[in-house]
Amino acid sequence: MCHTAENKALLVYITAPDKACASALAHALVYERLAAGVNILPVCASVYWWQGAVQEREEYALIAQCTQAGFAALRARVCALHPYDVPCIVALSIVAGHSPFLRWVEGETQPVQHSGEF
């Protein structure tokens, strides 16, 4: 596979309000081939400004592997499924990595036909 700017692998950091939401997001992104894989990290404390005040709550962090070419579709899908008004969706470039893994990310984010819901 040719590694171009369009299919360069990315890590996408996403937060979710609870484990059920994190799991639903991860399954949808992988099933729909928007991400090759998604890691769901254990609950963490998040501190942030929201509506004029400092907030603190528990959240789950997700790290999805996708391609630069597929990021816009992944972001749109997360926005459609996410309960937050302003979900955290941040793409991080991979400057170097294990080539077989990067090829796997590229291969697993190619569209396929599914027979139904996951």
N, C-alpha and C. Protein backbone atom coordinates (compact mmCIF):
# COMPACT_ATOMS: atom_id res chain seq x y z
N MET A 1 0.84 -1.18 0.00
CA MET A 1 0.00 0.00 0.00
C MET A 1 0.88 1.24 0.00
N CYS A 2 0.46 2.21 -0.71
CA CYS A 2 1.19 3.47 -0.82
C CYS A 2 0.78 4.38 0.34
N HIS A 3 1.74 4.86 1.08
CA HIS A 3 1.45 5.75 2.20
C HIS A 3 1.54 7.20 1.74
N THR A 4 0.39 7.81 1.52
CA THR A 4 0.32 9.20 1.08
C THR A 4 -0.24 10.05 2.19
N ALA A 5 -0.32 11.35 1.97
CA ALA A 5 -0.89 12.26 2.96
C ALA A 5 -2.33 11.89 3.27
N GLU A 6 -3.09 11.43 2.27
CA GLU A 6 -4.50 11.12 2.49
C GLU A 6 -4.72 9.90 3.37
N ASN A 7 -3.83 8.90 3.29
CA ASN A 7 -4.08 7.69 4.07
C ASN A 7 -3.10 7.53 5.22
N LYS A 8 -2.44 8.59 5.61
CA LYS A 8 -1.55 8.56 6.76
C LYS A 8 -2.36 8.24 8.02
N ALA A 9 -1.81 7.37 8.85
CA ALA A 9 -2.51 6.97 10.07
C ALA A 9 -2.53 8.11 11.09
N LEU A 10 -3.64 8.17 11.83
CA LEU A 10 -3.84 9.14 12.90
C LEU A 10 -4.30 8.41 14.14
N LEU A 11 -4.04 9.01 15.30
CA LEU A 11 -4.69 8.61 16.54
C LEU A 11 -5.71 9.68 16.85
N VAL A 12 -6.91 9.29 17.21
CA VAL A 12 -7.97 10.25 17.52
C VAL A 12 -8.38 10.06 18.97
N TYR A 13 -8.22 11.13 19.74
CA TYR A 13 -8.57 11.15 21.16
C TYR A 13 -10.00 11.65 21.29
N ILE A 14 -10.83 10.87 21.98
CA ILE A 14 -12.25 11.19 22.17
C ILE A 14 -12.57 10.93 23.65
N THR A 15 -13.42 11.77 24.24
CA THR A 15 -13.88 11.47 25.60
C THR A 15 -15.37 11.15 25.56
N ALA A 16 -15.80 10.37 26.55
CA ALA A 16 -17.20 9.96 26.66
C ALA A 16 -17.63 10.05 28.12
N PRO A 17 -18.92 10.30 28.36
CA PRO A 17 -19.38 10.50 29.74
C PRO A 17 -19.44 9.24 30.59
N ASP A 18 -19.52 8.07 29.97
CA ASP A 18 -19.63 6.83 30.74
C ASP A 18 -19.17 5.65 29.88
N LYS A 19 -19.07 4.48 30.52
CA LYS A 19 -18.56 3.29 29.84
C LYS A 19 -19.48 2.84 28.72
N ALA A 20 -20.78 2.93 28.92
CA ALA A 20 -21.73 2.50 27.88
C ALA A 20 -21.59 3.35 26.62
N CYS A 21 -21.46 4.65 26.79
CA CYS A 21 -21.28 5.55 25.65
C CYS A 21 -19.95 5.26 24.96
N ALA A 22 -18.88 5.09 25.74
CA ALA A 22 -17.56 4.80 25.17
C ALA A 22 -17.60 3.50 24.36
N SER A 23 -18.25 2.49 24.89
CA SER A 23 -18.34 1.21 24.20
C SER A 23 -19.17 1.33 22.92
N ALA A 24 -20.28 2.05 23.00
CA ALA A 24 -21.13 2.22 21.81
C ALA A 24 -20.37 2.97 20.71
N LEU A 25 -19.66 4.03 21.08
CA LEU A 25 -18.86 4.77 20.11
C LEU A 25 -17.80 3.87 19.48
N ALA A 26 -17.07 3.14 20.31
CA ALA A 26 -15.99 2.28 19.82
C ALA A 26 -16.53 1.23 18.86
N HIS A 27 -17.61 0.56 19.24
CA HIS A 27 -18.18 -0.48 18.37
C HIS A 27 -18.67 0.10 17.05
N ALA A 28 -19.33 1.24 17.08
CA ALA A 28 -19.83 1.84 15.85
C ALA A 28 -18.67 2.23 14.93
N LEU A 29 -17.64 2.85 15.47
CA LEU A 29 -16.52 3.30 14.64
C LEU A 29 -15.78 2.13 14.00
N VAL A 30 -15.59 1.05 14.75
CA VAL A 30 -14.90 -0.12 14.20
C VAL A 30 -15.80 -0.86 13.21
N TYR A 31 -17.06 -1.09 13.58
CA TYR A 31 -17.98 -1.81 12.70
C TYR A 31 -18.15 -1.10 11.36
N GLU A 32 -18.23 0.23 11.41
CA GLU A 32 -18.43 1.01 10.19
C GLU A 32 -17.13 1.30 9.45
N ARG A 33 -16.03 0.70 9.91
CA ARG A 33 -14.71 0.84 9.28
C ARG A 33 -14.18 2.27 9.29
N LEU A 34 -14.67 3.08 10.23
CA LEU A 34 -14.16 4.43 10.38
C LEU A 34 -12.88 4.43 11.22
N ALA A 35 -12.71 3.39 12.01
CA ALA A 35 -11.49 3.19 12.81
C ALA A 35 -11.09 1.74 12.69
N ALA A 36 -9.78 1.50 12.63
CA ALA A 36 -9.28 0.13 12.60
C ALA A 36 -9.44 -0.51 13.98
N GLY A 37 -9.29 0.29 15.01
CA GLY A 37 -9.44 -0.17 16.38
C GLY A 37 -9.65 1.03 17.28
N VAL A 38 -10.18 0.77 18.47
CA VAL A 38 -10.39 1.82 19.46
C VAL A 38 -10.01 1.27 20.82
N ASN A 39 -9.15 1.97 21.53
CA ASN A 39 -8.82 1.63 22.91
C ASN A 39 -9.73 2.45 23.81
N ILE A 40 -10.33 1.79 24.80
CA ILE A 40 -11.12 2.49 25.81
C ILE A 40 -10.32 2.44 27.10
N LEU A 41 -9.92 3.63 27.55
CA LEU A 41 -9.12 3.72 28.76
C LEU A 41 -10.02 3.83 29.99
N PRO A 42 -9.55 3.36 31.14
CA PRO A 42 -10.37 3.40 32.36
C PRO A 42 -10.80 4.82 32.70
N VAL A 43 -11.77 4.89 33.57
CA VAL A 43 -12.32 6.18 33.98
C VAL A 43 -11.21 7.12 34.44
N CYS A 44 -11.35 8.38 34.09
CA CYS A 44 -10.38 9.40 34.48
C CYS A 44 -11.15 10.64 34.95
N ALA A 45 -10.48 11.48 35.70
CA ALA A 45 -11.09 12.74 36.13
C ALA A 45 -10.79 13.81 35.09
N SER A 46 -11.80 14.52 34.66
CA SER A 46 -11.63 15.63 33.72
C SER A 46 -12.02 16.92 34.41
N VAL A 47 -11.17 17.93 34.28
CA VAL A 47 -11.43 19.26 34.84
C VAL A 47 -11.38 20.23 33.67
N TYR A 48 -12.43 21.05 33.52
CA TYR A 48 -12.53 21.90 32.34
C TYR A 48 -13.49 23.06 32.59
N TRP A 49 -13.36 24.10 31.77
CA TRP A 49 -14.31 25.21 31.79
C TRP A 49 -15.52 24.82 30.97
N TRP A 50 -16.73 25.07 31.49
CA TRP A 50 -17.96 24.87 30.74
C TRP A 50 -19.02 25.80 31.28
N GLN A 51 -19.61 26.57 30.42
CA GLN A 51 -20.67 27.51 30.76
C GLN A 51 -20.27 28.43 31.91
N GLY A 52 -19.05 28.97 31.82
CA GLY A 52 -18.58 29.98 32.75
C GLY A 52 -18.08 29.49 34.09
N ALA A 53 -17.95 28.19 34.26
CA ALA A 53 -17.48 27.67 35.55
C ALA A 53 -16.57 26.47 35.34
N VAL A 54 -15.70 26.25 36.30
CA VAL A 54 -14.84 25.07 36.26
C VAL A 54 -15.68 23.86 36.66
N GLN A 55 -15.63 22.84 35.83
CA GLN A 55 -16.38 21.61 36.06
C GLN A 55 -15.40 20.47 36.33
N GLU A 56 -15.86 19.46 37.03
CA GLU A 56 -15.08 18.23 37.19
C GLU A 56 -16.04 17.06 37.12
N ARG A 57 -15.67 16.07 36.31
CA ARG A 57 -16.49 14.87 36.20
C ARG A 57 -15.63 13.70 35.76
N GLU A 58 -16.15 12.52 35.94
CA GLU A 58 -15.47 11.33 35.46
C GLU A 58 -15.85 11.11 34.00
N GLU A 59 -14.87 10.72 33.21
CA GLU A 59 -15.09 10.42 31.80
C GLU A 59 -14.25 9.20 31.42
N TYR A 60 -14.56 8.64 30.27
CA TYR A 60 -13.74 7.60 29.66
C TYR A 60 -13.05 8.21 28.46
N ALA A 61 -11.80 7.83 28.25
CA ALA A 61 -11.05 8.31 27.09
C ALA A 61 -10.96 7.18 26.07
N LEU A 62 -11.13 7.54 24.81
CA LEU A 62 -10.99 6.60 23.71
C LEU A 62 -9.84 7.05 22.83
N ILE A 63 -9.08 6.10 22.32
CA ILE A 63 -8.05 6.40 21.33
C ILE A 63 -8.34 5.52 20.12
N ALA A 64 -8.76 6.16 19.04
CA ALA A 64 -9.11 5.45 17.81
C ALA A 64 -7.97 5.56 16.81
N GLN A 65 -7.78 4.52 16.02
CA GLN A 65 -6.80 4.54 14.95
C GLN A 65 -7.55 4.65 13.63
N CYS A 66 -7.24 5.69 12.86
CA CYS A 66 -7.88 5.87 11.56
C CYS A 66 -6.88 6.48 10.60
N THR A 67 -7.33 6.81 9.41
CA THR A 67 -6.46 7.48 8.44
C THR A 67 -6.88 8.94 8.31
N GLN A 68 -5.96 9.73 7.82
CA GLN A 68 -6.25 11.14 7.60
C GLN A 68 -7.43 11.29 6.64
N ALA A 69 -7.48 10.46 5.61
CA ALA A 69 -8.57 10.52 4.63
C ALA A 69 -9.92 10.20 5.26
N GLY A 70 -9.93 9.37 6.29
CA GLY A 70 -11.18 8.98 6.92
C GLY A 70 -11.56 9.79 8.14
N PHE A 71 -10.72 10.74 8.54
CA PHE A 71 -10.99 11.47 9.78
C PHE A 71 -12.29 12.26 9.74
N ALA A 72 -12.60 12.93 8.66
CA ALA A 72 -13.83 13.75 8.61
C ALA A 72 -15.07 12.89 8.82
N ALA A 73 -15.10 11.70 8.24
CA ALA A 73 -16.24 10.80 8.42
C ALA A 73 -16.31 10.30 9.86
N LEU A 74 -15.15 9.97 10.45
CA LEU A 74 -15.13 9.54 11.84
C LEU A 74 -15.64 10.65 12.75
N ARG A 75 -15.14 11.87 12.55
CA ARG A 75 -15.58 13.01 13.36
C ARG A 75 -17.09 13.22 13.23
N ALA A 76 -17.61 13.16 12.02
CA ALA A 76 -19.05 13.35 11.81
C ALA A 76 -19.86 12.28 12.52
N ARG A 77 -19.38 11.04 12.49
CA ARG A 77 -20.11 9.94 13.14
C ARG A 77 -20.09 10.10 14.66
N VAL A 78 -18.94 10.47 15.21
CA VAL A 78 -18.88 10.69 16.66
C VAL A 78 -19.83 11.82 17.05
N CYS A 79 -19.83 12.91 16.30
CA CYS A 79 -20.75 14.02 16.60
C CYS A 79 -22.21 13.58 16.55
N ALA A 80 -22.54 12.72 15.60
CA ALA A 80 -23.93 12.25 15.47
C ALA A 80 -24.35 11.35 16.63
N LEU A 81 -23.41 10.59 17.18
CA LEU A 81 -23.73 9.63 18.24
C LEU A 81 -23.50 10.16 19.65
N HIS A 82 -22.72 11.20 19.79
CA HIS A 82 -22.24 11.65 21.11
C HIS A 82 -23.30 12.50 21.83
N PRO A 83 -23.46 12.31 23.14
CA PRO A 83 -24.45 13.10 23.89
C PRO A 83 -24.00 14.52 24.22
N TYR A 84 -22.70 14.83 24.14
CA TYR A 84 -22.22 16.17 24.46
C TYR A 84 -22.54 17.15 23.34
N ASP A 85 -22.78 18.41 23.71
CA ASP A 85 -22.94 19.48 22.71
C ASP A 85 -21.63 19.72 21.97
N VAL A 86 -20.52 19.62 22.69
CA VAL A 86 -19.20 19.88 22.13
C VAL A 86 -18.27 18.72 22.53
N PRO A 87 -18.35 17.61 21.82
CA PRO A 87 -17.49 16.47 22.20
C PRO A 87 -16.03 16.74 21.88
N CYS A 88 -15.15 16.18 22.70
CA CYS A 88 -13.71 16.24 22.45
C CYS A 88 -13.38 15.21 21.38
N ILE A 89 -12.92 15.68 20.23
CA ILE A 89 -12.48 14.82 19.13
C ILE A 89 -11.22 15.48 18.57
N VAL A 90 -10.07 14.91 18.87
CA VAL A 90 -8.80 15.53 18.49
C VAL A 90 -7.94 14.51 17.75
N ALA A 91 -7.54 14.85 16.53
CA ALA A 91 -6.68 13.97 15.74
C ALA A 91 -5.22 14.31 16.00
N LEU A 92 -4.42 13.28 16.21
CA LEU A 92 -2.99 13.43 16.46
C LEU A 92 -2.23 12.70 15.36
N SER A 93 -1.34 13.39 14.71
CA SER A 93 -0.53 12.77 13.67
C SER A 93 0.45 11.77 14.27
N ILE A 94 0.66 10.69 13.57
CA ILE A 94 1.67 9.71 13.94
C ILE A 94 2.91 10.04 13.11
N VAL A 95 3.97 10.43 13.76
CA VAL A 95 5.17 10.83 13.02
C VAL A 95 6.04 9.62 12.68
N ALA A 96 5.92 8.55 13.42
CA ALA A 96 6.64 7.31 13.15
C ALA A 96 5.89 6.18 13.82
N GLY A 97 6.08 4.97 13.32
CA GLY A 97 5.40 3.83 13.92
C GLY A 97 5.85 2.53 13.29
N HIS A 98 5.35 1.44 13.82
CA HIS A 98 5.64 0.10 13.32
C HIS A 98 4.90 -0.08 12.00
N SER A 99 5.62 -0.21 10.91
CA SER A 99 5.01 -0.25 9.57
C SER A 99 3.89 -1.28 9.43
N PRO A 100 4.04 -2.51 9.94
CA PRO A 100 2.93 -3.46 9.81
C PRO A 100 1.65 -2.96 10.49
N PHE A 101 1.80 -2.29 11.63
CA PHE A 101 0.62 -1.74 12.32
C PHE A 101 -0.02 -0.64 11.48
N LEU A 102 0.81 0.25 10.94
CA LEU A 102 0.27 1.35 10.13
C LEU A 102 -0.42 0.82 8.88
N ARG A 103 0.11 -0.24 8.27
CA ARG A 103 -0.56 -0.86 7.12
C ARG A 103 -1.88 -1.50 7.54
N TRP A 104 -1.91 -2.08 8.74
CA TRP A 104 -3.14 -2.68 9.26
C TRP A 104 -4.21 -1.61 9.43
N VAL A 105 -3.85 -0.46 10.01
CA VAL A 105 -4.81 0.64 10.17
C VAL A 105 -5.38 1.03 8.81
N GLU A 106 -4.52 1.20 7.84
CA GLU A 106 -4.97 1.57 6.50
C GLU A 106 -5.89 0.51 5.90
N GLY A 107 -5.52 -0.74 6.03
CA GLY A 107 -6.33 -1.83 5.46
C GLY A 107 -7.67 -2.00 6.13
N GLU A 108 -7.71 -1.83 7.45
CA GLU A 108 -8.96 -2.06 8.18
C GLU A 108 -9.92 -0.88 8.12
N THR A 109 -9.52 0.22 7.54
CA THR A 109 -10.42 1.36 7.42
C THR A 109 -10.92 1.53 5.99
N GLN A 110 -10.83 0.45 5.21
CA GLN A 110 -11.40 0.46 3.86
C GLN A 110 -12.86 0.05 3.96
N PRO A 111 -13.74 0.69 3.18
CA PRO A 111 -15.18 0.36 3.24
C PRO A 111 -15.46 -1.09 2.84
N VAL A 112 -16.39 -1.70 3.56
CA VAL A 112 -16.88 -3.04 3.22
C VAL A 112 -18.39 -3.05 3.40
N GLN A 113 -19.06 -3.98 2.75
CA GLN A 113 -20.50 -4.13 2.89
C GLN A 113 -20.79 -5.05 4.07
N HIS A 114 -21.69 -4.63 4.94
CA HIS A 114 -22.13 -5.44 6.06
C HIS A 114 -23.56 -5.90 5.81
N SER A 115 -23.91 -7.01 6.41
CA SER A 115 -25.26 -7.54 6.25
C SER A 115 -26.27 -6.90 7.20
N GLY A 116 -25.82 -6.16 8.18
CA GLY A 116 -26.75 -5.53 9.12
C GLY A 116 -26.01 -4.83 10.23
N GLU A 117 -26.71 -4.54 11.31
CA GLU A 117 -26.12 -3.87 12.47
C GLU A 117 -25.20 -4.82 13.20
N PHE A 118 -24.24 -4.26 13.96
CA PHE A 118 -23.33 -5.08 14.73
C PHE A 118 -24.00 -5.61 15.98
